[in-house]
Amino acid sequence: MSRLAAIASLLATALLLTATPAHAGNQVYRWVDKNGHVHYGDRPPANAAPAKVRTIPVPVEPSAIARLRVESGDGEYLAYADNSLAGPIEVLAFTRNDNIRGDPPLPARATVPARGSVLVARLRAQDPGRSGGFELSLTGVPGNPSARPQDAEYLLPLRQQRSRIDQGFGGSFSHSDEQNRFALDFAADIGTTVVAARAGTVMQVESDFSKAGLKQEKYGGRANFVRILHDDGSMALYAHLATNGVLARVGQRVSAGQQIGLSGNTGFTTGPHLHFAVQVNRGMRLVSIPFRMRGVAMPKR
């Protein structure tokens, strides 16, 4: 029997807007009690003097939408993808290897149901007479690639007296890529109520960020957001929400007009606003699509 060596690594992102490393806003609190003992926690103690509590910023990254799990079998390795979202995703597994073949051949794609797991590939030695090894990676994109969006009218996603669009379809600042080409940026003060523009299931949320800026390499993809899955497989993205501004939970069913968050100023942005887009997965590609919205004269590209 051949000897196989495996190194499994995960490279799974939500592909929101853009995705690059940055510092963001979780915090840890450090304090000393009356006996001189040091404590750490995710919230400050109620009975400690403020002068004795120190706040420690903790960098965070966007949450992975999938997890690569590799299990050993009888002379083979089984590569599974575990979906962390309350909606389907598509994954692509690929490998750098020596004397390894995949079944199906790698790179291999698979669609994983909401919070489910799928066996993506079996890995075996090509030549059982010699040793081999592999390094396996996984990428993931929200949505089912077979989704067929239907024509629907969306509500305004903000509860405010007047709505102003600061950047429309094909906007040159940040709406020139596939994910955001058909997106609208609504001007909104921080704390403005954000509502679901269409009924669906809360598929994904990101809520750990607190900073904003114009350096795309630092702040791109570091926006708080809610992603809602519609019954036809399309997904609405509500982004740049406030710190502590996500008011919906993953798996929650929401109706059109129901509050889901508070607008803010997080991520790659020039100022407070709500970024709204309807997206579909087009085969490991997150793509925005045109939509109709009640009371809004849709801007020309």
C-alpha atoms as a PDB file:
ATOM      1  CA  MET A   1       0.000   0.000   0.000  1.00  0.00           C
ATOM      2  CA  SER A   2       1.329   3.432  -0.894  1.00  0.00           C
ATOM      3  CA  ARG A   3       1.923   6.157   1.674  1.00  0.00           C
ATOM      4  CA  LEU A   4       0.017   9.385   1.080  1.00  0.00           C
ATOM      5  CA  ALA A   5       0.804  12.680   2.795  1.00  0.00           C
ATOM      6  CA  ALA A   6      -1.896  15.352   2.936  1.00  0.00           C
ATOM      7  CA  ILE A   7      -1.796  19.052   3.740  1.00  0.00           C
ATOM      8  CA  ALA A   8      -5.259  20.597   3.699  1.00  0.00           C
ATOM      9  CA  SER A   9      -5.669  24.359   3.480  1.00  0.00           C
ATOM     10  CA  LEU A  10      -8.795  26.474   3.161  1.00  0.00           C
ATOM     11  CA  LEU A  11      -9.172  29.433   0.873  1.00  0.00           C
ATOM     12  CA  ALA A  12     -12.914  30.173   1.035  1.00  0.00           C
ATOM     13  CA  THR A  13     -14.349  33.698   0.848  1.00  0.00           C
ATOM     14  CA  ALA A  14     -17.716  35.272   0.264  1.00  0.00           C
ATOM     15  CA  LEU A  15     -16.456  37.276  -2.706  1.00  0.00           C
ATOM     16  CA  LEU A  16     -18.288  40.355  -1.461  1.00  0.00           C
ATOM     17  CA  LEU A  17     -17.395  43.466  -3.427  1.00  0.00           C
ATOM     18  CA  THR A  18     -13.642  42.749  -3.240  1.00  0.00           C
ATOM     19  CA  ALA A  19     -11.680  40.671  -0.759  1.00  0.00           C
ATOM     20  CA  THR A  20      -8.331  41.785   0.622  1.00  0.00           C
ATOM     21  CA  PRO A  21      -6.827  41.721   4.143  1.00  0.00           C
ATOM     22  CA  ALA A  22      -7.567  44.537   6.568  1.00  0.00           C
ATOM     23  CA  HIS A  23      -7.868  45.366  10.208  1.00  0.00           C
ATOM     24  CA  ALA A  24     -11.371  45.556  11.638  1.00  0.00           C
ATOM     25  CA  GLY A  25     -13.346  46.077  14.758  1.00  0.00           C
ATOM     26  CA  ASN A  26     -13.668  43.272  17.293  1.00  0.00           C
ATOM     27  CA  GLN A  27     -12.510  44.129  20.815  1.00  0.00           C
ATOM     28  CA  VAL A  28     -11.199  42.316  23.850  1.00  0.00           C
ATOM     29  CA  TYR A  29     -11.294  43.891  27.305  1.00  0.00           C
ATOM     30  CA  ARG A  30      -8.553  43.523  29.912  1.00  0.00           C
ATOM     31  CA  TRP A  31      -9.032  44.420  33.570  1.00  0.00           C
ATOM     32  CA  VAL A  32      -7.520  43.796  36.976  1.00  0.00           C
ATOM     33  CA  ASP A  33      -9.748  42.794  39.882  1.00  0.00           C
ATOM     34  CA  LYS A  34      -9.352  43.972  43.473  1.00  0.00           C
ATOM     35  CA  ASN A  35      -7.053  41.040  44.206  1.00  0.00           C
ATOM     36  CA  GLY A  36      -4.687  41.996  41.407  1.00  0.00           C
ATOM     37  CA  HIS A  37      -5.752  39.188  39.065  1.00  0.00           C
ATOM     38  CA  VAL A  38      -5.820  39.961  35.332  1.00  0.00           C
ATOM     39  CA  HIS A  39      -8.941  39.031  33.346  1.00  0.00           C
ATOM     40  CA  TYR A  40      -9.861  39.127  29.649  1.00  0.00           C
ATOM     41  CA  GLY A  41     -13.351  39.109  28.139  1.00  0.00           C
ATOM     42  CA  ASP A  42     -15.429  40.095  25.106  1.00  0.00           C
ATOM     43  CA  ARG A  43     -17.288  42.710  27.169  1.00  0.00           C
ATOM     44  CA  PRO A  44     -16.207  44.966  30.034  1.00  0.00           C
ATOM     45  CA  PRO A  45     -17.084  43.909  33.600  1.00  0.00           C
ATOM     46  CA  ALA A  46     -20.046  45.705  35.152  1.00  0.00           C
ATOM     47  CA  ASN A  47     -18.333  46.257  38.497  1.00  0.00           C
ATOM     48  CA  ALA A  48     -14.840  47.386  37.426  1.00  0.00           C
ATOM     49  CA  ALA A  49     -13.691  50.974  37.610  1.00  0.00           C
ATOM     50  CA  PRO A  50     -13.330  52.407  34.060  1.00  0.00           C
ATOM     51  CA  ALA A  51      -9.716  53.384  34.699  1.00  0.00           C
ATOM     52  CA  LYS A  52      -8.826  49.735  35.267  1.00  0.00           C
ATOM     53  CA  VAL A  53     -10.349  48.434  32.005  1.00  0.00           C
ATOM     54  CA  ARG A  54      -8.266  48.481  28.827  1.00  0.00           C
ATOM     55  CA  THR A  55      -9.730  47.929  25.374  1.00  0.00           C
ATOM     56  CA  ILE A  56      -7.643  45.817  22.979  1.00  0.00           C
ATOM     57  CA  PRO A  57      -8.603  45.964  19.255  1.00  0.00           C
ATOM     58  CA  VAL A  58      -8.582  42.557  17.570  1.00  0.00           C
ATOM     59  CA  PRO A  59      -8.168  42.309  13.773  1.00  0.00           C
ATOM     60  CA  VAL A  60     -10.797  40.128  12.098  1.00  0.00           C
ATOM     61  CA  GLU A  61     -11.269  38.705   8.624  1.00  0.00           C
ATOM     62  CA  PRO A  62     -14.466  38.069   6.634  1.00  0.00           C
ATOM     63  CA  SER A  63     -16.105  34.836   7.711  1.00  0.00           C
ATOM     64  CA  ALA A  64     -15.448  31.825   5.463  1.00  0.00           C
ATOM     65  CA  ILE A  65     -18.524  30.535   3.677  1.00  0.00           C
ATOM     66  CA  ALA A  66     -17.198  26.967   3.445  1.00  0.00           C
ATOM     67  CA  ARG A  67     -14.864  24.656   5.286  1.00  0.00           C
ATOM     68  CA  LEU A  68     -12.638  22.039   3.701  1.00  0.00           C
ATOM     69  CA  ARG A  69     -12.706  18.735   5.576  1.00  0.00           C
ATOM     70  CA  VAL A  70     -10.390  15.873   4.594  1.00  0.00           C
ATOM     71  CA  GLU A  71     -10.879  12.386   6.028  1.00  0.00           C
ATOM     72  CA  SER A  72      -8.661   9.367   5.466  1.00  0.00           C
ATOM     73  CA  GLY A  73     -10.177   6.143   4.168  1.00  0.00           C
ATOM     74  CA  ASP A  74      -8.937   2.794   2.937  1.00  0.00           C
ATOM     75  CA  GLY A  75      -5.921   3.919   0.924  1.00  0.00           C
ATOM     76  CA  GLU A  76      -7.554   7.213  -0.049  1.00  0.00           C
ATOM     77  CA  TYR A  77      -8.567  10.629   1.226  1.00  0.00           C
ATOM     78  CA  LEU A  78     -12.125  11.970   1.093  1.00  0.00           C
ATOM     79  CA  ALA A  79     -12.459  15.740   0.537  1.00  0.00           C
ATOM     80  CA  TYR A  80     -15.694  17.262   1.852  1.00  0.00           C
ATOM     81  CA  ALA A  81     -17.019  20.819   1.647  1.00  0.00           C
ATOM     82  CA  ASP A  82     -19.090  22.006   4.631  1.00  0.00           C
ATOM     83  CA  ASN A  83     -21.385  24.974   3.927  1.00  0.00           C
ATOM     84  CA  SER A  84     -21.738  27.510   6.768  1.00  0.00           C
ATOM     85  CA  LEU A  85     -24.478  29.585   5.081  1.00  0.00           C
ATOM     86  CA  ALA A  86     -28.271  29.293   5.208  1.00  0.00           C
ATOM     87  CA  GLY A  87     -28.376  28.999   1.430  1.00  0.00           C
ATOM     88  CA  PRO A  88     -26.607  27.037  -1.312  1.00  0.00           C
ATOM     89  CA  ILE A  89     -23.036  27.658  -2.399  1.00  0.00           C
ATOM     90  CA  GLU A  90     -20.814  26.392  -5.174  1.00  0.00           C
ATOM     91  CA  VAL A  91     -17.284  25.227  -4.391  1.00  0.00           C
ATOM     92  CA  LEU A  92     -14.210  24.470  -6.441  1.00  0.00           C
ATOM     93  CA  ALA A  93     -11.534  22.122  -5.114  1.00  0.00           C
ATOM     94  CA  PHE A  94      -8.072  22.033  -6.635  1.00  0.00           C
ATOM     95  CA  THR A  95      -4.742  20.558  -5.656  1.00  0.00           C
ATOM     96  CA  ARG A  96      -1.015  20.625  -6.102  1.00  0.00           C
ATOM     97  CA  ASN A  97       0.034  17.013  -5.930  1.00  0.00           C
ATOM     98  CA  ASP A  98       2.589  14.315  -6.550  1.00  0.00           C
ATOM     99  CA  ASN A  99       1.345  10.903  -7.742  1.00  0.00           C
ATOM    100  CA  ILE A 100      -2.310  11.683  -6.874  1.00  0.00           C
ATOM    101  CA  ARG A 101      -5.485  11.384  -8.945  1.00  0.00           C
ATOM    102  CA  GLY A 102      -8.897  12.666  -8.049  1.00  0.00           C
ATOM    103  CA  ASP A 103     -12.309  11.130  -8.587  1.00  0.00           C
ATOM    104  CA  PRO A 104     -13.776  13.200 -10.142  1.00  0.00           C
ATOM    105  CA  PRO A 105     -10.619  14.737 -11.648  1.00  0.00           C
ATOM    106  CA  LEU A 106      -9.488  17.957  -9.980  1.00  0.00           C
ATOM    107  CA  PRO A 107     -10.261  20.787 -10.161  1.00  0.00           C
ATOM    108  CA  ALA A 108     -13.765  19.606  -9.225  1.00  0.00           C
ATOM    109  CA  ARG A 109     -16.922  21.660  -8.640  1.00  0.00           C
ATOM    110  CA  ALA A 110     -19.869  20.865  -6.413  1.00  0.00           C
ATOM    111  CA  THR A 111     -23.016  22.596  -5.198  1.00  0.00           C
ATOM    112  CA  VAL A 112     -23.525  22.362  -1.439  1.00  0.00           C
ATOM    113  CA  PRO A 113     -26.998  22.874   0.066  1.00  0.00           C
ATOM    114  CA  ALA A 114     -27.687  25.246   2.935  1.00  0.00           C
ATOM    115  CA  ARG A 115     -25.639  24.234   5.990  1.00  0.00           C
ATOM    116  CA  GLY A 116     -24.934  20.933   4.299  1.00  0.00           C
ATOM    117  CA  SER A 117     -21.903  18.871   3.357  1.00  0.00           C
ATOM    118  CA  VAL A 118     -20.906  17.322   0.037  1.00  0.00           C
ATOM    119  CA  LEU A 119     -18.148  14.898  -0.900  1.00  0.00           C
ATOM    120  CA  VAL A 120     -16.241  16.854  -3.554  1.00  0.00           C
ATOM    121  CA  ALA A 121     -13.592  14.291  -4.520  1.00  0.00           C
ATOM    122  CA  ARG A 122     -11.792  11.097  -3.577  1.00  0.00           C
ATOM    123  CA  LEU A 123      -7.999  11.228  -3.769  1.00  0.00           C
ATOM    124  CA  ARG A 124      -5.908   8.129  -4.481  1.00  0.00           C
ATOM    125  CA  ALA A 125      -2.347   7.311  -5.564  1.00  0.00           C
ATOM    126  CA  GLN A 126      -1.843   7.003  -9.302  1.00  0.00           C
ATOM    127  CA  ASP A 127       1.003   4.540  -8.796  1.00  0.00           C
ATOM    128  CA  PRO A 128       0.382   2.470  -5.633  1.00  0.00           C
ATOM    129  CA  GLY A 129       4.018   1.415  -5.697  1.00  0.00           C
ATOM    130  CA  ARG A 130       5.429   4.812  -4.638  1.00  0.00           C
ATOM    131  CA  SER A 131       4.641   7.511  -2.135  1.00  0.00           C
ATOM    132  CA  GLY A 132       2.847  10.758  -2.957  1.00  0.00           C
ATOM    133  CA  GLY A 133       1.262  13.795  -1.431  1.00  0.00           C
ATOM    134  CA  PHE A 134      -1.075  16.674  -2.105  1.00  0.00           C
ATOM    135  CA  GLU A 135      -2.052  20.164  -0.970  1.00  0.00           C
ATOM    136  CA  LEU A 136      -5.789  20.690  -1.378  1.00  0.00           C
ATOM    137  CA  SER A 137      -7.583  24.052  -1.433  1.00  0.00           C
ATOM    138  CA  LEU A 138     -11.197  25.109  -1.663  1.00  0.00           C
ATOM    139  CA  THR A 139     -12.882  28.283  -2.923  1.00  0.00           C
ATOM    140  CA  GLY A 140     -16.566  29.048  -2.557  1.00  0.00           C
ATOM    141  CA  VAL A 141     -19.181  31.383  -4.044  1.00  0.00           C
ATOM    142  CA  PRO A 142     -22.667  32.038  -2.591  1.00  0.00           C
ATOM    143  CA  GLY A 143     -25.638  30.861  -4.624  1.00  0.00           C
ATOM    144  CA  ASN A 144     -26.718  27.958  -6.801  1.00  0.00           C
ATOM    145  CA  PRO A 145     -25.330  28.240 -10.357  1.00  0.00           C
ATOM    146  CA  SER A 146     -28.600  26.810 -11.724  1.00  0.00           C
ATOM    147  CA  ALA A 147     -30.721  29.641 -10.249  1.00  0.00           C
ATOM    148  CA  ARG A 148     -33.145  31.255 -12.697  1.00  0.00           C
ATOM    149  CA  PRO A 149     -34.094  34.745 -11.463  1.00  0.00           C
ATOM    150  CA  GLN A 150     -37.657  35.880 -12.111  1.00  0.00           C
ATOM    151  CA  ASP A 151     -38.843  39.399 -12.825  1.00  0.00           C
ATOM    152  CA  ALA A 152     -39.762  41.061  -9.526  1.00  0.00           C
ATOM    153  CA  GLU A 153     -40.356  44.558  -8.222  1.00  0.00           C
ATOM    154  CA  TYR A 154     -38.226  45.521  -5.224  1.00  0.00           C
ATOM    155  CA  LEU A 155     -39.148  47.944  -2.464  1.00  0.00           C
ATOM    156  CA  LEU A 156     -36.909  50.803  -1.430  1.00  0.00           C
ATOM    157  CA  PRO A 157     -34.432  49.260   1.046  1.00  0.00           C
ATOM    158  CA  LEU A 158     -34.404  52.315   3.342  1.00  0.00           C
ATOM    159  CA  ARG A 159     -37.060  53.790   5.610  1.00  0.00           C
ATOM    160  CA  GLN A 160     -36.536  57.514   5.132  1.00  0.00           C
ATOM    161  CA  GLN A 161     -38.405  60.543   3.795  1.00  0.00           C
ATOM    162  CA  ARG A 162     -36.412  60.986   0.600  1.00  0.00           C
ATOM    163  CA  SER A 163     -34.061  58.717  -1.318  1.00  0.00           C
ATOM    164  CA  ARG A 164     -31.072  59.912  -3.281  1.00  0.00           C
ATOM    165  CA  ILE A 165     -28.885  57.685  -5.440  1.00  0.00           C
ATOM    166  CA  ASP A 166     -25.232  58.687  -5.179  1.00  0.00           C
ATOM    167  CA  GLN A 167     -23.909  55.986  -7.529  1.00  0.00           C
ATOM    168  CA  GLY A 168     -25.926  54.009 -10.044  1.00  0.00           C
ATOM    169  CA  PHE A 169     -25.483  51.161 -12.497  1.00  0.00           C
ATOM    170  CA  GLY A 170     -21.952  51.063 -13.893  1.00  0.00           C
ATOM    171  CA  GLY A 171     -20.700  53.823 -11.577  1.00  0.00           C
ATOM    172  CA  SER A 172     -17.016  54.526 -12.147  1.00  0.00           C
ATOM    173  CA  PHE A 173     -16.021  54.597  -8.463  1.00  0.00           C
ATOM    174  CA  SER A 174     -16.893  51.034  -7.435  1.00  0.00           C
ATOM    175  CA  HIS A 175     -19.614  49.682  -9.772  1.00  0.00           C
ATOM    176  CA  SER A 176     -17.462  48.611 -12.701  1.00  0.00           C
ATOM    177  CA  ASP A 177     -16.941  44.918 -11.831  1.00  0.00           C
ATOM    178  CA  GLU A 178     -19.377  42.044 -12.366  1.00  0.00           C
ATOM    179  CA  GLN A 179     -20.463  41.784  -8.747  1.00  0.00           C
ATOM    180  CA  ASN A 180     -21.465  45.438  -8.489  1.00  0.00           C
ATOM    181  CA  ARG A 181     -22.183  46.666 -12.036  1.00  0.00           C
ATOM    182  CA  PHE A 182     -25.952  46.685 -11.436  1.00  0.00           C
ATOM    183  CA  ALA A 183     -25.862  48.154  -7.923  1.00  0.00           C
ATOM    184  CA  LEU A 184     -27.313  51.289  -6.365  1.00  0.00           C
ATOM    185  CA  ASP A 185     -25.714  53.375  -3.623  1.00  0.00           C
ATOM    186  CA  PHE A 186     -28.376  55.186  -1.581  1.00  0.00           C
ATOM    187  CA  ALA A 187     -27.341  58.194   0.477  1.00  0.00           C
ATOM    188  CA  ALA A 188     -28.294  57.500   4.091  1.00  0.00           C
ATOM    189  CA  ASP A 189     -27.275  58.828   7.486  1.00  0.00           C
ATOM    190  CA  ILE A 190     -25.704  56.340   9.877  1.00  0.00           C
ATOM    191  CA  GLY A 191     -28.464  54.553  11.761  1.00  0.00           C
ATOM    192  CA  THR A 192     -31.143  54.815   9.053  1.00  0.00           C
ATOM    193  CA  THR A 193     -33.483  51.794   9.091  1.00  0.00           C
ATOM    194  CA  VAL A 194     -32.680  49.224   6.383  1.00  0.00           C
ATOM    195  CA  VAL A 195     -35.550  46.966   5.275  1.00  0.00           C
ATOM    196  CA  ALA A 196     -35.779  43.889   3.087  1.00  0.00           C
ATOM    197  CA  ALA A 197     -36.630  44.973  -0.446  1.00  0.00           C
ATOM    198  CA  ARG A 198     -38.038  41.518  -1.180  1.00  0.00           C
ATOM    199  CA  ALA A 199     -39.056  38.532   0.934  1.00  0.00           C
ATOM    200  CA  GLY A 200     -36.525  35.769   1.465  1.00  0.00           C
ATOM    201  CA  THR A 201     -34.232  33.952   3.866  1.00  0.00           C
ATOM    202  CA  VAL A 202     -31.257  35.606   5.545  1.00  0.00           C
ATOM    203  CA  MET A 203     -28.452  33.591   4.001  1.00  0.00           C
ATOM    204  CA  GLN A 204     -25.343  35.334   5.288  1.00  0.00           C
ATOM    205  CA  VAL A 205     -24.364  38.229   7.528  1.00  0.00           C
ATOM    206  CA  GLU A 206     -21.109  39.997   8.328  1.00  0.00           C
ATOM    207  CA  SER A 207     -21.150  42.225  11.393  1.00  0.00           C
ATOM    208  CA  ASP A 208     -17.638  42.452  12.866  1.00  0.00           C
ATOM    209  CA  PHE A 209     -16.321  45.549  11.112  1.00  0.00           C
ATOM    210  CA  SER A 210     -16.207  49.140  12.364  1.00  0.00           C
ATOM    211  CA  LYS A 211     -13.894  51.075  10.043  1.00  0.00           C
ATOM    212  CA  ALA A 212     -14.166  52.672   6.609  1.00  0.00           C
ATOM    213  CA  GLY A 213     -11.750  54.234   4.152  1.00  0.00           C
ATOM    214  CA  LEU A 214     -10.755  54.848   0.545  1.00  0.00           C
ATOM    215  CA  LYS A 215      -7.901  52.326   0.372  1.00  0.00           C
ATOM    216  CA  GLN A 216      -9.459  49.436  -1.519  1.00  0.00           C
ATOM    217  CA  GLU A 217      -6.667  47.022  -0.643  1.00  0.00           C
ATOM    218  CA  LYS A 218      -7.339  47.669   3.046  1.00  0.00           C
ATOM    219  CA  TYR A 219     -11.113  48.135   3.241  1.00  0.00           C
ATOM    220  CA  GLY A 220     -12.446  46.301   0.194  1.00  0.00           C
ATOM    221  CA  GLY A 221     -14.695  43.459   1.313  1.00  0.00           C
ATOM    222  CA  ARG A 222     -14.644  44.700   4.938  1.00  0.00           C
ATOM    223  CA  ALA A 223     -18.210  45.998   5.054  1.00  0.00           C
ATOM    224  CA  ASN A 224     -20.941  44.788   7.368  1.00  0.00           C
ATOM    225  CA  PHE A 225     -23.738  43.315   5.275  1.00  0.00           C
ATOM    226  CA  VAL A 226     -26.837  41.151   5.059  1.00  0.00           C
ATOM    227  CA  ARG A 227     -27.365  38.757   2.135  1.00  0.00           C
ATOM    228  CA  ILE A 228     -30.951  37.580   1.551  1.00  0.00           C
ATOM    229  CA  LEU A 229     -31.765  34.554  -0.617  1.00  0.00           C
ATOM    230  CA  HIS A 230     -34.965  34.838  -2.657  1.00  0.00           C
ATOM    231  CA  ASP A 231     -37.165  31.904  -3.641  1.00  0.00           C
ATOM    232  CA  ASP A 232     -35.909  32.041  -7.262  1.00  0.00           C
ATOM    233  CA  GLY A 233     -32.256  31.660  -6.184  1.00  0.00           C
ATOM    234  CA  SER A 234     -31.255  35.295  -6.636  1.00  0.00           C
ATOM    235  CA  MET A 235     -29.674  37.114  -3.675  1.00  0.00           C
ATOM    236  CA  ALA A 236     -29.981  40.708  -2.456  1.00  0.00           C
ATOM    237  CA  LEU A 237     -26.959  42.320  -0.854  1.00  0.00           C
ATOM    238  CA  TYR A 238     -27.333  45.163   1.683  1.00  0.00           C
ATOM    239  CA  ALA A 239     -23.837  46.450   2.456  1.00  0.00           C
ATOM    240  CA  HIS A 240     -21.873  49.051   4.478  1.00  0.00           C
ATOM    241  CA  LEU A 241     -24.145  48.582   7.497  1.00  0.00           C
ATOM    242  CA  ALA A 242     -23.331  50.274  10.779  1.00  0.00           C
ATOM    243  CA  THR A 243     -21.227  48.809  13.563  1.00  0.00           C
ATOM    244  CA  ASN A 244     -23.711  46.643  15.485  1.00  0.00           C
ATOM    245  CA  GLY A 245     -26.112  47.433  12.638  1.00  0.00           C
ATOM    246  CA  VAL A 246     -27.000  43.900  11.531  1.00  0.00           C
ATOM    247  CA  LEU A 247     -30.448  43.181  12.992  1.00  0.00           C
ATOM    248  CA  ALA A 248     -31.237  39.897  11.257  1.00  0.00           C
ATOM    249  CA  ARG A 249     -29.987  36.403  11.987  1.00  0.00           C
ATOM    250  CA  VAL A 250     -28.796  33.749   9.579  1.00  0.00           C
ATOM    251  CA  GLY A 251     -31.657  31.425   8.667  1.00  0.00           C
ATOM    252  CA  GLN A 252     -34.368  33.950   9.510  1.00  0.00           C
ATOM    253  CA  ARG A 253     -37.274  34.282   7.074  1.00  0.00           C
ATOM    254  CA  VAL A 254     -38.051  37.953   6.416  1.00  0.00           C
ATOM    255  CA  SER A 255     -40.903  39.639   4.582  1.00  0.00           C
ATOM    256  CA  ALA A 256     -40.655  42.605   2.217  1.00  0.00           C
ATOM    257  CA  GLY A 257     -40.441  45.816   4.267  1.00  0.00           C
ATOM    258  CA  GLN A 258     -39.184  44.097   7.453  1.00  0.00           C
ATOM    259  CA  GLN A 259     -36.254  45.761   9.213  1.00  0.00           C
ATOM    260  CA  ILE A 260     -32.976  43.903   8.808  1.00  0.00           C
ATOM    261  CA  GLY A 261     -30.366  46.468   9.828  1.00  0.00           C
ATOM    262  CA  LEU A 262     -29.096  50.014  10.208  1.00  0.00           C
ATOM    263  CA  SER A 263     -27.189  51.825   7.489  1.00  0.00           C
ATOM    264  CA  GLY A 264     -23.634  52.844   8.235  1.00  0.00           C
ATOM    265  CA  ASN A 265     -20.170  53.541   6.921  1.00  0.00           C
ATOM    266  CA  THR A 266     -18.040  50.380   6.971  1.00  0.00           C
ATOM    267  CA  GLY A 267     -15.669  49.019   4.345  1.00  0.00           C
ATOM    268  CA  PHE A 268     -14.498  50.634   1.111  1.00  0.00           C
ATOM    269  CA  THR A 269     -16.637  53.757   0.964  1.00  0.00           C
ATOM    270  CA  THR A 270     -16.526  57.519   0.535  1.00  0.00           C
ATOM    271  CA  GLY A 271     -19.088  58.079   3.291  1.00  0.00           C
ATOM    272  CA  PRO A 272     -22.304  56.784   4.881  1.00  0.00           C
ATOM    273  CA  HIS A 273     -24.619  55.027   2.408  1.00  0.00           C
ATOM    274  CA  LEU A 274     -26.359  51.751   1.627  1.00  0.00           C
ATOM    275  CA  HIS A 275     -25.046  49.597  -1.206  1.00  0.00           C
ATOM    276  CA  PHE A 276     -27.822  47.460  -2.720  1.00  0.00           C
ATOM    277  CA  ALA A 277     -27.435  44.821  -5.437  1.00  0.00           C
ATOM    278  CA  VAL A 278     -29.201  41.702  -6.679  1.00  0.00           C
ATOM    279  CA  GLN A 279     -26.727  38.944  -7.481  1.00  0.00           C
ATOM    280  CA  VAL A 280     -26.631  35.419  -8.880  1.00  0.00           C
ATOM    281  CA  ASN A 281     -23.928  32.768  -9.127  1.00  0.00           C
ATOM    282  CA  ARG A 282     -22.948  32.178 -12.741  1.00  0.00           C
ATOM    283  CA  GLY A 283     -20.591  29.253 -12.248  1.00  0.00           C
ATOM    284  CA  MET A 284     -18.081  30.279  -9.546  1.00  0.00           C
ATOM    285  CA  ARG A 285     -18.732  33.934 -10.493  1.00  0.00           C
ATOM    286  CA  LEU A 286     -20.884  36.261  -8.417  1.00  0.00           C
ATOM    287  CA  VAL A 287     -22.680  38.540 -10.896  1.00  0.00           C
ATOM    288  CA  SER A 288     -25.059  41.446 -10.316  1.00  0.00           C
ATOM    289  CA  ILE A 289     -28.202  41.643 -12.461  1.00  0.00           C
ATOM    290  CA  PRO A 290     -30.596  44.485 -13.383  1.00  0.00           C
ATOM    291  CA  PHE A 291     -33.733  44.886 -11.259  1.00  0.00           C
ATOM    292  CA  ARG A 292     -36.833  47.065 -10.939  1.00  0.00           C
ATOM    293  CA  MET A 293     -37.531  49.100  -7.789  1.00  0.00           C
ATOM    294  CA  ARG A 294     -40.806  50.738  -6.840  1.00  0.00           C
ATOM    295  CA  GLY A 295     -40.683  54.518  -6.945  1.00  0.00           C
ATOM    296  CA  VAL A 296     -37.203  54.678  -8.455  1.00  0.00           C
ATOM    297  CA  ALA A 297     -36.414  55.743 -12.000  1.00  0.00           C
ATOM    298  CA  MET A 298     -33.604  53.298 -12.653  1.00  0.00           C
ATOM    299  CA  PRO A 299     -30.411  55.045 -13.781  1.00  0.00           C
ATOM    300  CA  LYS A 300     -28.935  54.385 -17.190  1.00  0.00           C
ATOM    301  CA  ARG A 301     -25.673  52.487 -17.419  1.00  0.00           C
END
